[in-house]
C-alpha atoms as a PDB file:
ATOM      1  CA  MET A   1       1.557  86.796-110.942  1.00  0.00           C
ATOM      2  CA  ALA A   2      -2.025  88.274-111.207  1.00  0.00           C
ATOM      3  CA  PHE A   3      -2.865  91.657-113.047  1.00  0.00           C
ATOM      4  CA  ASN A   4      -4.368  92.438-109.698  1.00  0.00           C
ATOM      5  CA  PHE A   5      -3.019  92.804-106.398  1.00  0.00           C
ATOM      6  CA  ASP A   6      -4.689  90.704-103.937  1.00  0.00           C
ATOM      7  CA  LEU A   7      -6.357  92.525-101.135  1.00  0.00           C
ATOM      8  CA  ASN A   8      -6.753  89.906 -99.236  1.00  0.00           C
ATOM      9  CA  ASN A   9      -3.428  89.571 -98.164  1.00  0.00           C
ATOM     10  CA  ILE A  10      -3.562  93.188 -96.898  1.00  0.00           C
ATOM     11  CA  GLU A  11      -6.409  92.602 -94.726  1.00  0.00           C
ATOM     12  CA  ALA A  12      -5.147  89.074 -93.145  1.00  0.00           C
ATOM     13  CA  LEU A  13      -2.188  91.611 -92.399  1.00  0.00           C
ATOM     14  CA  LEU A  14      -4.061  94.267 -90.681  1.00  0.00           C
ATOM     15  CA  SER A  15      -6.391  91.401 -88.937  1.00  0.00           C
ATOM     16  CA  ASN A  16      -3.060  90.565 -87.428  1.00  0.00           C
ATOM     17  CA  THR A  17      -1.162  93.209 -86.686  1.00  0.00           C
ATOM     18  CA  VAL A  18      -3.563  96.262 -85.902  1.00  0.00           C
ATOM     19  CA  PHE A  19      -5.493  95.482 -82.629  1.00  0.00           C
ATOM     20  CA  ASP A  20      -7.473  98.271 -81.630  1.00  0.00           C
ATOM     21  CA  ALA A  21      -9.688  98.280 -84.626  1.00  0.00           C
ATOM     22  CA  SER A  22     -11.568  95.258 -86.756  1.00  0.00           C
ATOM     23  CA  VAL A  23     -11.360  94.351 -89.950  1.00  0.00           C
ATOM     24  CA  GLY A  24     -14.545  94.862 -92.169  1.00  0.00           C
ATOM     25  CA  PHE A  25     -15.910  93.812 -95.352  1.00  0.00           C
ATOM     26  CA  ALA A  26     -17.311  96.319 -97.683  1.00  0.00           C
ATOM     27  CA  SER A  27     -17.732  96.007-101.502  1.00  0.00           C
ATOM     28  CA  ASP A  28     -17.278  99.797-102.411  1.00  0.00           C
ATOM     29  CA  PHE A  29     -16.687 103.146-100.686  1.00  0.00           C
ATOM     30  CA  ASN A  30     -20.740 103.928-100.483  1.00  0.00           C
ATOM     31  CA  THR A  31     -21.354 100.633 -98.298  1.00  0.00           C
ATOM     32  CA  VAL A  32     -18.566 102.132 -95.763  1.00  0.00           C
ATOM     33  CA  ARG A  33     -20.548 105.579 -95.602  1.00  0.00           C
ATOM     34  CA  GLU A  34     -24.008 104.268 -95.170  1.00  0.00           C
ATOM     35  CA  HIS A  35     -23.557 101.843 -91.979  1.00  0.00           C
ATOM     36  CA  ALA A  36     -22.663 103.179 -88.414  1.00  0.00           C
ATOM     37  CA  VAL A  37     -20.052 101.559 -86.631  1.00  0.00           C
ATOM     38  CA  HIS A  38     -19.710 100.855 -82.605  1.00  0.00           C
ATOM     39  CA  SER A  39     -16.348 100.487 -82.603  1.00  0.00           C
ATOM     40  CA  ALA A  40     -13.284 101.362 -84.966  1.00  0.00           C
ATOM     41  CA  GLN A  41     -13.082  99.240 -88.063  1.00  0.00           C
ATOM     42  CA  LEU A  42     -10.911  99.290 -91.083  1.00  0.00           C
ATOM     43  CA  PHE A  43     -11.906  98.353 -94.718  1.00  0.00           C
ATOM     44  CA  VAL A  44      -9.673  97.811 -97.603  1.00  0.00           C
ATOM     45  CA  LEU A  45     -11.051  99.084-101.052  1.00  0.00           C
ATOM     46  CA  PRO A  46      -9.202  99.182-104.500  1.00  0.00           C
ATOM     47  CA  LEU A  47      -9.026 102.752-105.778  1.00  0.00           C
ATOM     48  CA  ALA A  48      -7.305 102.392-109.369  1.00  0.00           C
ATOM     49  CA  ASP A  49      -4.981 100.351-111.537  1.00  0.00           C
ATOM     50  CA  ASP A  50      -2.841 101.359-114.418  1.00  0.00           C
ATOM     51  CA  ASN A  51      -1.252  99.093-116.901  1.00  0.00           C
ATOM     52  CA  THR A  52       1.647 100.504-118.842  1.00  0.00           C
ATOM     53  CA  ASN A  53       3.233  98.415-121.826  1.00  0.00           C
ATOM     54  CA  THR A  54       6.896  98.652-121.116  1.00  0.00           C
ATOM     55  CA  ASN A  55       8.491  96.462-123.613  1.00  0.00           C
ATOM     56  CA  GLU A  56       7.138  94.734-126.702  1.00  0.00           C
ATOM     57  CA  VAL A  57       9.457  91.561-127.635  1.00  0.00           C
ATOM     58  CA  PRO A  58       7.398  89.705-130.607  1.00  0.00           C
ATOM     59  CA  GLY A  59       5.294  86.762-128.588  1.00  0.00           C
ATOM     60  CA  LEU A  60       5.631  88.532-125.530  1.00  0.00           C
ATOM     61  CA  ASP A  61       4.186  92.016-123.726  1.00  0.00           C
ATOM     62  CA  GLU A  62       5.557  93.320-120.346  1.00  0.00           C
ATOM     63  CA  TYR A  63       3.073  95.451-118.447  1.00  0.00           C
ATOM     64  CA  GLN A  64       4.196  97.935-115.473  1.00  0.00           C
ATOM     65  CA  ILE A  65       1.226  97.293-113.209  1.00  0.00           C
ATOM     66  CA  LYS A  66       0.276  99.891-110.510  1.00  0.00           C
ATOM     67  CA  ASP A  67      -2.595  99.149-108.366  1.00  0.00           C
ATOM     68  CA  VAL A  68      -4.027 101.752-105.726  1.00  0.00           C
ATOM     69  CA  PHE A  69      -5.821 100.678-102.914  1.00  0.00           C
ATOM     70  CA  ALA A  70      -7.259 102.545 -99.753  1.00  0.00           C
ATOM     71  CA  VAL A  71      -7.678 101.341 -96.238  1.00  0.00           C
ATOM     72  CA  MET A  72     -10.327 103.241 -94.628  1.00  0.00           C
ATOM     73  CA  ILE A  73     -10.589 103.874 -90.981  1.00  0.00           C
ATOM     74  CA  VAL A  74     -13.960 104.298 -89.542  1.00  0.00           C
ATOM     75  CA  ILE A  75     -14.624 105.662 -86.102  1.00  0.00           C
ATOM     76  CA  PRO A  76     -17.608 106.352 -84.082  1.00  0.00           C
ATOM     77  CA  CYS A  77     -17.619 110.038 -83.174  1.00  0.00           C
ATOM     78  CA  SER A  78     -20.767 112.403 -83.277  1.00  0.00           C
ATOM     79  CA  ALA A  79     -18.275 115.806 -83.136  1.00  0.00           C
ATOM     80  CA  GLY A  80     -14.615 116.042 -83.541  1.00  0.00           C
ATOM     81  CA  ASN A  81     -12.941 115.835 -80.315  1.00  0.00           C
ATOM     82  CA  ALA A  82      -9.616 115.109 -78.486  1.00  0.00           C
ATOM     83  CA  HIS A  83     -10.891 111.448 -78.147  1.00  0.00           C
ATOM     84  CA  SER A  84     -11.581 110.882 -81.566  1.00  0.00           C
ATOM     85  CA  ASP A  85      -8.529 112.659 -82.905  1.00  0.00           C
ATOM     86  CA  ALA A  86      -6.148 110.567 -80.681  1.00  0.00           C
ATOM     87  CA  GLN A  87      -7.594 107.312 -81.853  1.00  0.00           C
ATOM     88  CA  VAL A  88      -7.515 108.380 -85.650  1.00  0.00           C
ATOM     89  CA  LYS A  89      -4.018 109.455 -85.120  1.00  0.00           C
ATOM     90  CA  GLN A  90      -3.206 105.807 -83.329  1.00  0.00           C
ATOM     91  CA  LEU A  91      -4.750 103.807 -86.306  1.00  0.00           C
ATOM     92  CA  ARG A  92      -2.993 105.865 -88.962  1.00  0.00           C
ATOM     93  CA  SER A  93       0.505 104.948 -87.212  1.00  0.00           C
ATOM     94  CA  ASP A  94      -0.831 101.715 -86.955  1.00  0.00           C
ATOM     95  CA  VAL A  95      -1.934 100.984 -90.600  1.00  0.00           C
ATOM     96  CA  LYS A  96       1.078 102.938 -91.935  1.00  0.00           C
ATOM     97  CA  ALA A  97       3.314 100.761 -89.895  1.00  0.00           C
ATOM     98  CA  ALA A  98       1.663  97.599 -90.908  1.00  0.00           C
ATOM     99  CA  ILE A  99       1.476  97.886 -94.557  1.00  0.00           C
ATOM    100  CA  ALA A 100       4.133 100.376 -95.948  1.00  0.00           C
ATOM    101  CA  GLY A 101       7.101  98.705 -97.009  1.00  0.00           C
ATOM    102  CA  CYS A 102       5.341  95.199 -97.054  1.00  0.00           C
ATOM    103  CA  GLN A 103       6.522  92.808 -99.994  1.00  0.00           C
ATOM    104  CA  TYR A 104       4.404  90.202-101.486  1.00  0.00           C
ATOM    105  CA  PRO A 105       5.907  87.650-104.100  1.00  0.00           C
ATOM    106  CA  GLY A 106       5.981  88.996-107.690  1.00  0.00           C
ATOM    107  CA  TRP A 107       5.163  92.806-106.153  1.00  0.00           C
ATOM    108  CA  ASP A 108       7.391  95.467-105.381  1.00  0.00           C
ATOM    109  CA  PRO A 109       7.341  96.733-101.628  1.00  0.00           C
ATOM    110  CA  ILE A 110       4.114  98.753-101.003  1.00  0.00           C
ATOM    111  CA  LYS A 111       4.367 102.403-100.644  1.00  0.00           C
ATOM    112  CA  LEU A 112       2.516 104.795 -98.761  1.00  0.00           C
ATOM    113  CA  ASP A 113       0.735 107.379-101.120  1.00  0.00           C
ATOM    114  CA  LYS A 114      -1.387 109.846 -99.135  1.00  0.00           C
ATOM    115  CA  GLY A 115      -3.783 110.149 -96.255  1.00  0.00           C
ATOM    116  CA  ARG A 116      -6.717 112.516 -95.893  1.00  0.00           C
ATOM    117  CA  THR A 117      -9.914 112.759 -93.956  1.00  0.00           C
ATOM    118  CA  ILE A 118     -12.945 111.678 -96.195  1.00  0.00           C
ATOM    119  CA  GLU A 119     -15.980 112.591 -93.812  1.00  0.00           C
ATOM    120  CA  LEU A 120     -17.410 113.417 -90.767  1.00  0.00           C
ATOM    121  CA  ASN A 121     -21.060 111.532 -91.322  1.00  0.00           C
ATOM    122  CA  LYS A 122     -23.424 113.082 -88.999  1.00  0.00           C
ATOM    123  CA  LYS A 123     -26.171 110.422 -90.506  1.00  0.00           C
ATOM    124  CA  THR A 124     -24.318 107.719 -88.893  1.00  0.00           C
ATOM    125  CA  ASN A 125     -21.503 109.512 -86.692  1.00  0.00           C
ATOM    126  CA  ASN A 126     -19.090 107.850 -88.490  1.00  0.00           C
ATOM    127  CA  LEU A 127     -15.495 109.977 -88.825  1.00  0.00           C
ATOM    128  CA  ILE A 128     -13.629 108.183 -91.717  1.00  0.00           C
ATOM    129  CA  TYR A 129     -10.086 108.432 -92.897  1.00  0.00           C
ATOM    130  CA  GLN A 130      -8.300 107.424 -95.682  1.00  0.00           C
ATOM    131  CA  CYS A 131      -4.833 106.008 -95.982  1.00  0.00           C
ATOM    132  CA  GLN A 132      -3.729 105.242 -99.485  1.00  0.00           C
ATOM    133  CA  PHE A 133      -1.284 103.052-100.901  1.00  0.00           C
ATOM    134  CA  SER A 134       0.149 102.039-104.266  1.00  0.00           C
ATOM    135  CA  VAL A 135       2.041  98.877-105.240  1.00  0.00           C
ATOM    136  CA  THR A 136       3.750  97.801-108.371  1.00  0.00           C
ATOM    137  CA  GLY A 137       4.832  94.772-110.265  1.00  0.00           C
ATOM    138  CA  LEU A 138       5.926  93.627-113.802  1.00  0.00           C
ATOM    139  CA  HIS A 139       3.573  90.988-115.689  1.00  0.00           C
ATOM    140  CA  THR A 140       4.681  89.543-119.049  1.00  0.00           C
ATOM    141  CA  VAL A 141       1.983  88.095-121.160  1.00  0.00           C
ATOM    142  CA  THR A 142       2.413  85.667-124.207  1.00  0.00           C
ATOM    143  CA  VAL A 143       0.821  87.008-127.143  1.00  0.00           C
ATOM    144  CA  LYS A 144      -2.118  84.677-128.385  1.00  0.00           C
ATOM    145  CA  VAL A 145      -2.514  84.701-131.956  1.00  0.00           C
ATOM    146  CA  MET A 146      -6.050  84.286-132.746  1.00  0.00           C
ATOM    147  CA  PRO A 147      -7.353  82.325-135.892  1.00  0.00           C
END
């Protein structure tokens, strides 16, 4: 098991299950904010990780790893209206249904943390909504004695 949850799994899952939006690539949140979209897009971004040492056995360290990531829902929208509200509502539901509860080897099931509207950007005419998830797992590290 790696220390970081592989977000490529989430991108592949969304590509195969959410058909009302395409999955885009962005290195960080600012990249998502800066470019206008012409149709609904989803971006998977890491948010935080926390590694807690849970057990100390001579020669081994065990860590409880918690990775937090977000799926950014970005839709073209110049002003809030019934169409954009319905579109975000449907995409939120689709994203949550696709991801919450999924389990990958070495990790506990993915949990839904929270969701919120991030911004309505007048420059790009994008409405951005964030669905935040977390996943935990145990990782055992063999202590390396250095000379």
